[in-house]
Amino acid sequence: MKIFQDIPDGSANIVISPPLEGKKILIYKYVEYLLKKNEPVLYITTDASPEDIKKDLVKHKIFFGDAEPKGLLVFIDCYSRHVGEAAKNTQSIRRLPGPLALNEISVALAELEKELLKKSPKHTILFNSISTMLMFSNPQAIGRFIQVIIAKIKKAGGTVIFTLEEDMHSSDVLATMEHLMDAVIFVKEEKGKLMMKARGLDGLEDWSEFS
């Protein structure tokens, strides 16, 4: 898949789409692409539990095999405890109080990245989604937090992809988030097809079908 090959190592990227349109499939396919290359993935989730994400991956025929016990697929869970679930940490899941536990997210990210670097010099952070954080906090504060963790991830040699729901935020918020990124990927559904284009990735300036 050309778009995955075109995402530079050590870059910060954001996937923007209307709510419920497409970006989940793009993210899931990227997880599959990375794990097939034995590149570790750290999935930060703010709007679903890791258990539900894993079930959904299988539903979409994304089979991650022994990636979890090998430490190639790990999660930071900012959802479960936030909605009152008494979920415990596991070998592959770090549970945090909620999407606004910014210091805890930063600390967990740094600790888990150290473990990922023992597996591979390359690793990817998937942050799905910052829209949840923006709903509950000042966008300027979230912008500063995103800027700081991007710098930390890049310093550790990682690549990061954020997701954002397009129609839930003002144009000013969208512009601020896009400004922090090296590339912006737009996704939409059209006549039953998943369409995408990107700014900051060569050859993807126009809408084309994701396949």
C-alpha atoms as a PDB file:
ATOM      1  CA  MET A   1       0.000   0.000   0.000  1.00  0.00           C
ATOM      2  CA  LYS A   2       1.690   3.101  -1.271  1.00  0.00           C
ATOM      3  CA  ILE A   3       0.613   5.445   1.498  1.00  0.00           C
ATOM      4  CA  PHE A   4       2.222   3.279   4.184  1.00  0.00           C
ATOM      5  CA  GLN A   5       5.484   3.119   2.268  1.00  0.00           C
ATOM      6  CA  ASP A   6       5.433   6.908   1.873  1.00  0.00           C
ATOM      7  CA  ILE A   7       5.116   7.729   5.580  1.00  0.00           C
ATOM      8  CA  PRO A   8       8.668   8.699   6.595  1.00  0.00           C
ATOM      9  CA  ASP A   9      10.306   7.185   9.652  1.00  0.00           C
ATOM     10  CA  GLY A  10      10.436   9.663  12.502  1.00  0.00           C
ATOM     11  CA  SER A  11       7.534  11.760  11.237  1.00  0.00           C
ATOM     12  CA  ALA A  12       4.359  13.113  12.823  1.00  0.00           C
ATOM     13  CA  ASN A  13       1.141  12.573  10.865  1.00  0.00           C
ATOM     14  CA  ILE A  14      -2.578  13.029  11.364  1.00  0.00           C
ATOM     15  CA  VAL A  15      -5.516  11.234   9.749  1.00  0.00           C
ATOM     16  CA  ILE A  16      -8.607  13.440   9.471  1.00  0.00           C
ATOM     17  CA  SER A  17     -12.056  12.245   8.448  1.00  0.00           C
ATOM     18  CA  PRO A  18     -15.722  12.814   9.264  1.00  0.00           C
ATOM     19  CA  PRO A  19     -16.886  10.756  12.275  1.00  0.00           C
ATOM     20  CA  LEU A  20     -17.310   7.040  11.505  1.00  0.00           C
ATOM     21  CA  GLU A  21     -15.825   7.384   8.038  1.00  0.00           C
ATOM     22  CA  GLY A  22     -12.915   5.260   7.056  1.00  0.00           C
ATOM     23  CA  LYS A  23      -9.979   6.157   9.216  1.00  0.00           C
ATOM     24  CA  LYS A  24     -10.397   3.078  11.411  1.00  0.00           C
ATOM     25  CA  ILE A  25      -9.815   0.834   8.380  1.00  0.00           C
ATOM     26  CA  LEU A  26      -6.736   2.843   7.435  1.00  0.00           C
ATOM     27  CA  ILE A  27      -5.326   2.538  10.963  1.00  0.00           C
ATOM     28  CA  TYR A  28      -6.082  -1.183  11.195  1.00  0.00           C
ATOM     29  CA  LYS A  29      -4.410  -1.844   7.853  1.00  0.00           C
ATOM     30  CA  TYR A  30      -1.388   0.124   9.027  1.00  0.00           C
ATOM     31  CA  VAL A  31      -1.188  -2.041  12.160  1.00  0.00           C
ATOM     32  CA  GLU A  32      -1.201  -5.108   9.915  1.00  0.00           C
ATOM     33  CA  TYR A  33       1.447  -3.603   7.619  1.00  0.00           C
ATOM     34  CA  LEU A  34       3.795  -2.798  10.518  1.00  0.00           C
ATOM     35  CA  LEU A  35       3.407  -6.106  12.336  1.00  0.00           C
ATOM     36  CA  LYS A  36       4.126  -8.033   9.148  1.00  0.00           C
ATOM     37  CA  LYS A  37       7.478  -6.222   9.138  1.00  0.00           C
ATOM     38  CA  ASN A  38       7.982  -7.038  12.845  1.00  0.00           C
ATOM     39  CA  GLU A  39       7.926  -3.336  13.671  1.00  0.00           C
ATOM     40  CA  PRO A  40       6.445  -2.617  17.134  1.00  0.00           C
ATOM     41  CA  VAL A  41       3.182  -0.708  17.483  1.00  0.00           C
ATOM     42  CA  LEU A  42       2.055   1.271  20.525  1.00  0.00           C
ATOM     43  CA  TYR A  43      -1.678   1.962  20.261  1.00  0.00           C
ATOM     44  CA  ILE A  44      -2.982   4.782  22.482  1.00  0.00           C
ATOM     45  CA  THR A  45      -6.766   4.564  22.670  1.00  0.00           C
ATOM     46  CA  THR A  46      -9.141   7.176  24.078  1.00  0.00           C
ATOM     47  CA  ASP A  47     -12.504   5.998  22.742  1.00  0.00           C
ATOM     48  CA  ALA A  48     -12.533   2.190  22.969  1.00  0.00           C
ATOM     49  CA  SER A  49     -10.986  -0.484  25.154  1.00  0.00           C
ATOM     50  CA  PRO A  50      -7.992  -2.473  23.877  1.00  0.00           C
ATOM     51  CA  GLU A  51     -10.109  -5.607  24.190  1.00  0.00           C
ATOM     52  CA  ASP A  52     -12.750  -4.152  21.858  1.00  0.00           C
ATOM     53  CA  ILE A  53     -10.070  -2.962  19.428  1.00  0.00           C
ATOM     54  CA  LYS A  54      -8.554  -6.444  19.273  1.00  0.00           C
ATOM     55  CA  LYS A  55     -11.977  -7.976  18.607  1.00  0.00           C
ATOM     56  CA  ASP A  56     -12.551  -5.379  15.898  1.00  0.00           C
ATOM     57  CA  LEU A  57      -9.180  -6.124  14.309  1.00  0.00           C
ATOM     58  CA  VAL A  58     -10.127  -9.783  14.012  1.00  0.00           C
ATOM     59  CA  LYS A  59     -13.573  -8.811  12.690  1.00  0.00           C
ATOM     60  CA  HIS A  60     -11.799  -6.905   9.912  1.00  0.00           C
ATOM     61  CA  LYS A  61      -9.541  -9.922   9.276  1.00  0.00           C
ATOM     62  CA  ILE A  62      -6.472  -8.248  10.784  1.00  0.00           C
ATOM     63  CA  PHE A  63      -4.821 -11.130  12.621  1.00  0.00           C
ATOM     64  CA  PHE A  64      -2.035 -10.076  14.989  1.00  0.00           C
ATOM     65  CA  GLY A  65      -1.030 -13.568  16.092  1.00  0.00           C
ATOM     66  CA  ASP A  66       1.612 -13.593  18.820  1.00  0.00           C
ATOM     67  CA  ALA A  67       2.445  -9.881  18.484  1.00  0.00           C
ATOM     68  CA  GLU A  68       1.192  -9.167  22.011  1.00  0.00           C
ATOM     69  CA  PRO A  69       3.222 -11.782  23.911  1.00  0.00           C
ATOM     70  CA  LYS A  70       6.250 -10.806  21.823  1.00  0.00           C
ATOM     71  CA  GLY A  71       5.828  -7.183  22.880  1.00  0.00           C
ATOM     72  CA  LEU A  72       5.213  -5.986  19.330  1.00  0.00           C
ATOM     73  CA  LEU A  73       1.666  -4.747  20.021  1.00  0.00           C
ATOM     74  CA  VAL A  74       1.093  -2.794  23.214  1.00  0.00           C
ATOM     75  CA  PHE A  75      -1.648  -0.433  24.345  1.00  0.00           C
ATOM     76  CA  ILE A  76      -2.085   2.636  26.497  1.00  0.00           C
ATOM     77  CA  ASP A  77      -5.729   2.485  27.538  1.00  0.00           C
ATOM     78  CA  CYS A  78      -7.205   5.917  28.312  1.00  0.00           C
ATOM     79  CA  TYR A  79     -10.765   4.669  27.951  1.00  0.00           C
ATOM     80  CA  SER A  80     -11.677   1.766  30.236  1.00  0.00           C
ATOM     81  CA  ARG A  81     -11.168   3.378  33.645  1.00  0.00           C
ATOM     82  CA  HIS A  82     -12.585   6.667  32.358  1.00  0.00           C
ATOM     83  CA  VAL A  83     -15.946   4.949  31.770  1.00  0.00           C
ATOM     84  CA  GLY A  84     -15.844   3.148  35.104  1.00  0.00           C
ATOM     85  CA  GLU A  85     -14.539  -0.265  34.115  1.00  0.00           C
ATOM     86  CA  ALA A  86     -12.405  -1.953  36.787  1.00  0.00           C
ATOM     87  CA  ALA A  87      -9.757  -2.960  34.281  1.00  0.00           C
ATOM     88  CA  LYS A  88      -6.301  -4.086  35.370  1.00  0.00           C
ATOM     89  CA  ASN A  89      -2.929  -3.683  33.704  1.00  0.00           C
ATOM     90  CA  THR A  90      -1.668  -6.628  31.684  1.00  0.00           C
ATOM     91  CA  GLN A  91       1.628  -7.475  30.025  1.00  0.00           C
ATOM     92  CA  SER A  92       0.545  -5.585  26.916  1.00  0.00           C
ATOM     93  CA  ILE A  93      -1.923  -2.997  28.292  1.00  0.00           C
ATOM     94  CA  ARG A  94      -1.163   0.021  30.486  1.00  0.00           C
ATOM     95  CA  ARG A  95      -4.396   1.422  31.976  1.00  0.00           C
ATOM     96  CA  LEU A  96      -4.630   5.151  32.719  1.00  0.00           C
ATOM     97  CA  PRO A  97      -7.355   7.189  34.451  1.00  0.00           C
ATOM     98  CA  GLY A  98      -8.626   8.849  31.278  1.00  0.00           C
ATOM     99  CA  PRO A  99      -7.838  10.877  28.163  1.00  0.00           C
ATOM    100  CA  LEU A 100      -6.926  13.978  30.173  1.00  0.00           C
ATOM    101  CA  ALA A 101      -4.321  12.233  32.340  1.00  0.00           C
ATOM    102  CA  LEU A 102      -1.702  14.034  30.278  1.00  0.00           C
ATOM    103  CA  ASN A 103       1.251  13.527  32.614  1.00  0.00           C
ATOM    104  CA  GLU A 104       0.431   9.830  33.022  1.00  0.00           C
ATOM    105  CA  ILE A 105       0.168   9.428  29.238  1.00  0.00           C
ATOM    106  CA  SER A 106       3.545  11.108  28.761  1.00  0.00           C
ATOM    107  CA  VAL A 107       5.224   8.936  31.413  1.00  0.00           C
ATOM    108  CA  ALA A 108       3.675   5.690  30.121  1.00  0.00           C
ATOM    109  CA  LEU A 109       4.650   6.601  26.571  1.00  0.00           C
ATOM    110  CA  ALA A 110       8.287   7.156  27.549  1.00  0.00           C
ATOM    111  CA  GLU A 111       8.468   3.922  29.544  1.00  0.00           C
ATOM    112  CA  LEU A 112       6.874   1.786  26.844  1.00  0.00           C
ATOM    113  CA  GLU A 113       8.966   3.325  24.075  1.00  0.00           C
ATOM    114  CA  LYS A 114      12.080   2.173  25.923  1.00  0.00           C
ATOM    115  CA  GLU A 115      10.737  -1.382  25.794  1.00  0.00           C
ATOM    116  CA  LEU A 116       9.857  -1.089  22.107  1.00  0.00           C
ATOM    117  CA  LEU A 117      13.372   0.079  21.282  1.00  0.00           C
ATOM    118  CA  LYS A 118      14.667  -3.204  22.673  1.00  0.00           C
ATOM    119  CA  LYS A 119      12.616  -4.980  19.994  1.00  0.00           C
ATOM    120  CA  SER A 120      13.431  -2.799  17.003  1.00  0.00           C
ATOM    121  CA  PRO A 121      15.105   0.531  16.151  1.00  0.00           C
ATOM    122  CA  LYS A 122      11.831   1.487  14.453  1.00  0.00           C
ATOM    123  CA  HIS A 123       8.458   1.803  16.168  1.00  0.00           C
ATOM    124  CA  THR A 124       5.137   3.538  15.549  1.00  0.00           C
ATOM    125  CA  ILE A 125       2.711   5.249  17.910  1.00  0.00           C
ATOM    126  CA  LEU A 126      -0.970   5.269  16.891  1.00  0.00           C
ATOM    127  CA  PHE A 127      -2.974   7.841  18.863  1.00  0.00           C
ATOM    128  CA  ASN A 128      -6.696   7.282  18.330  1.00  0.00           C
ATOM    129  CA  SER A 129      -8.166   9.799  18.850  1.00  0.00           C
ATOM    130  CA  ILE A 130      -7.235  13.304  19.953  1.00  0.00           C
ATOM    131  CA  SER A 131     -10.819  14.425  19.289  1.00  0.00           C
ATOM    132  CA  THR A 132     -11.807  12.802  22.581  1.00  0.00           C
ATOM    133  CA  MET A 133      -9.193  14.896  24.400  1.00  0.00           C
ATOM    134  CA  LEU A 134     -10.262  18.087  22.644  1.00  0.00           C
ATOM    135  CA  MET A 135     -13.871  17.511  23.722  1.00  0.00           C
ATOM    136  CA  PHE A 136     -12.934  17.573  27.402  1.00  0.00           C
ATOM    137  CA  SER A 137     -10.136  20.150  27.555  1.00  0.00           C
ATOM    138  CA  ASN A 138      -8.854  23.464  26.269  1.00  0.00           C
ATOM    139  CA  PRO A 139      -7.609  22.991  22.692  1.00  0.00           C
ATOM    140  CA  GLN A 140      -4.559  25.149  23.391  1.00  0.00           C
ATOM    141  CA  ALA A 141      -3.532  22.883  26.275  1.00  0.00           C
ATOM    142  CA  ILE A 142      -4.009  19.785  24.135  1.00  0.00           C
ATOM    143  CA  GLY A 143      -2.035  21.439  21.327  1.00  0.00           C
ATOM    144  CA  ARG A 144       0.887  22.076  23.673  1.00  0.00           C
ATOM    145  CA  PHE A 145       0.715  18.488  24.926  1.00  0.00           C
ATOM    146  CA  ILE A 146       0.689  17.110  21.363  1.00  0.00           C
ATOM    147  CA  GLN A 147       3.667  19.313  20.456  1.00  0.00           C
ATOM    148  CA  VAL A 148       5.661  18.015  23.433  1.00  0.00           C
ATOM    149  CA  ILE A 149       4.961  14.326  22.846  1.00  0.00           C
ATOM    150  CA  ILE A 150       5.735  14.660  19.129  1.00  0.00           C
ATOM    151  CA  ALA A 151       9.171  16.006  20.074  1.00  0.00           C
ATOM    152  CA  LYS A 152       9.709  13.138  22.539  1.00  0.00           C
ATOM    153  CA  ILE A 153       8.593  10.465  20.072  1.00  0.00           C
ATOM    154  CA  LYS A 154      10.833  11.830  17.335  1.00  0.00           C
ATOM    155  CA  LYS A 155      13.769  12.011  19.738  1.00  0.00           C
ATOM    156  CA  ALA A 156      13.238   8.318  20.534  1.00  0.00           C
ATOM    157  CA  GLY A 157      13.224   7.501  16.811  1.00  0.00           C
ATOM    158  CA  GLY A 158       9.507   6.819  16.578  1.00  0.00           C
ATOM    159  CA  THR A 159       6.830   7.658  14.037  1.00  0.00           C
ATOM    160  CA  VAL A 160       3.424   8.863  15.229  1.00  0.00           C
ATOM    161  CA  ILE A 161      -0.010   8.952  13.636  1.00  0.00           C
ATOM    162  CA  PHE A 162      -2.887  10.785  15.311  1.00  0.00           C
ATOM    163  CA  THR A 163      -6.541  10.622  14.309  1.00  0.00           C
ATOM    164  CA  LEU A 164      -9.062  13.456  14.408  1.00  0.00           C
ATOM    165  CA  GLU A 165     -12.792  13.724  13.639  1.00  0.00           C
ATOM    166  CA  GLU A 166     -13.156  16.521  11.122  1.00  0.00           C
ATOM    167  CA  ASP A 167     -16.674  17.813  11.812  1.00  0.00           C
ATOM    168  CA  MET A 168     -16.343  17.932  15.603  1.00  0.00           C
ATOM    169  CA  HIS A 169     -13.939  20.886  15.802  1.00  0.00           C
ATOM    170  CA  SER A 170     -13.613  24.465  14.653  1.00  0.00           C
ATOM    171  CA  SER A 171     -11.458  25.420  11.696  1.00  0.00           C
ATOM    172  CA  ASP A 172      -9.001  27.064  14.114  1.00  0.00           C
ATOM    173  CA  VAL A 173      -8.536  23.816  16.046  1.00  0.00           C
ATOM    174  CA  LEU A 174      -8.080  21.846  12.822  1.00  0.00           C
ATOM    175  CA  ALA A 175      -5.531  24.354  11.564  1.00  0.00           C
ATOM    176  CA  THR A 176      -3.572  24.198  14.834  1.00  0.00           C
ATOM    177  CA  MET A 177      -3.404  20.404  14.813  1.00  0.00           C
ATOM    178  CA  GLU A 178      -2.451  20.264  11.140  1.00  0.00           C
ATOM    179  CA  HIS A 179       0.315  22.824  11.727  1.00  0.00           C
ATOM    180  CA  LEU A 180       2.023  20.488  14.200  1.00  0.00           C
ATOM    181  CA  MET A 181       2.255  17.642  11.682  1.00  0.00           C
ATOM    182  CA  ASP A 182       4.645  16.692   8.900  1.00  0.00           C
ATOM    183  CA  ALA A 183       1.783  15.221   6.863  1.00  0.00           C
ATOM    184  CA  VAL A 184      -2.012  15.383   6.911  1.00  0.00           C
ATOM    185  CA  ILE A 185      -4.023  12.456   5.508  1.00  0.00           C
ATOM    186  CA  PHE A 186      -7.671  13.046   4.617  1.00  0.00           C
ATOM    187  CA  VAL A 187     -10.086  10.111   4.428  1.00  0.00           C
ATOM    188  CA  LYS A 188     -13.718   9.914   3.311  1.00  0.00           C
ATOM    189  CA  GLU A 189     -16.219   7.356   2.072  1.00  0.00           C
ATOM    190  CA  GLU A 190     -17.738   7.904  -1.342  1.00  0.00           C
ATOM    191  CA  LYS A 191     -20.169   5.533  -3.064  1.00  0.00           C
ATOM    192  CA  GLY A 192     -19.053   2.676  -0.857  1.00  0.00           C
ATOM    193  CA  LYS A 193     -15.364   3.278  -1.524  1.00  0.00           C
ATOM    194  CA  LEU A 194     -12.715   4.515   0.886  1.00  0.00           C
ATOM    195  CA  MET A 195     -11.051   7.569  -0.609  1.00  0.00           C
ATOM    196  CA  MET A 196      -7.942   9.372   0.587  1.00  0.00           C
ATOM    197  CA  LYS A 197      -5.504  12.128  -0.197  1.00  0.00           C
ATOM    198  CA  ALA A 198      -2.597  13.655   1.688  1.00  0.00           C
ATOM    199  CA  ARG A 199      -0.754  16.884   2.148  1.00  0.00           C
ATOM    200  CA  GLY A 200       2.957  16.446   2.830  1.00  0.00           C
ATOM    201  CA  LEU A 201       3.282  13.035   1.154  1.00  0.00           C
ATOM    202  CA  ASP A 202       4.441  13.092  -2.470  1.00  0.00           C
ATOM    203  CA  GLY A 203       2.091  11.748  -5.125  1.00  0.00           C
ATOM    204  CA  LEU A 204      -1.003  11.711  -2.920  1.00  0.00           C
ATOM    205  CA  GLU A 205      -2.270  15.240  -3.509  1.00  0.00           C
ATOM    206  CA  ASP A 206      -5.503  14.125  -5.243  1.00  0.00           C
ATOM    207  CA  TRP A 207      -8.334  11.926  -4.030  1.00  0.00           C
ATOM    208  CA  SER A 208      -7.798   8.259  -4.886  1.00  0.00           C
ATOM    209  CA  GLU A 209      -9.243   4.957  -3.718  1.00  0.00           C
ATOM    210  CA  PHE A 210      -7.513   3.280  -0.787  1.00  0.00           C
ATOM    211  CA  SER A 211      -6.787  -0.336  -1.622  1.00  0.00           C
END
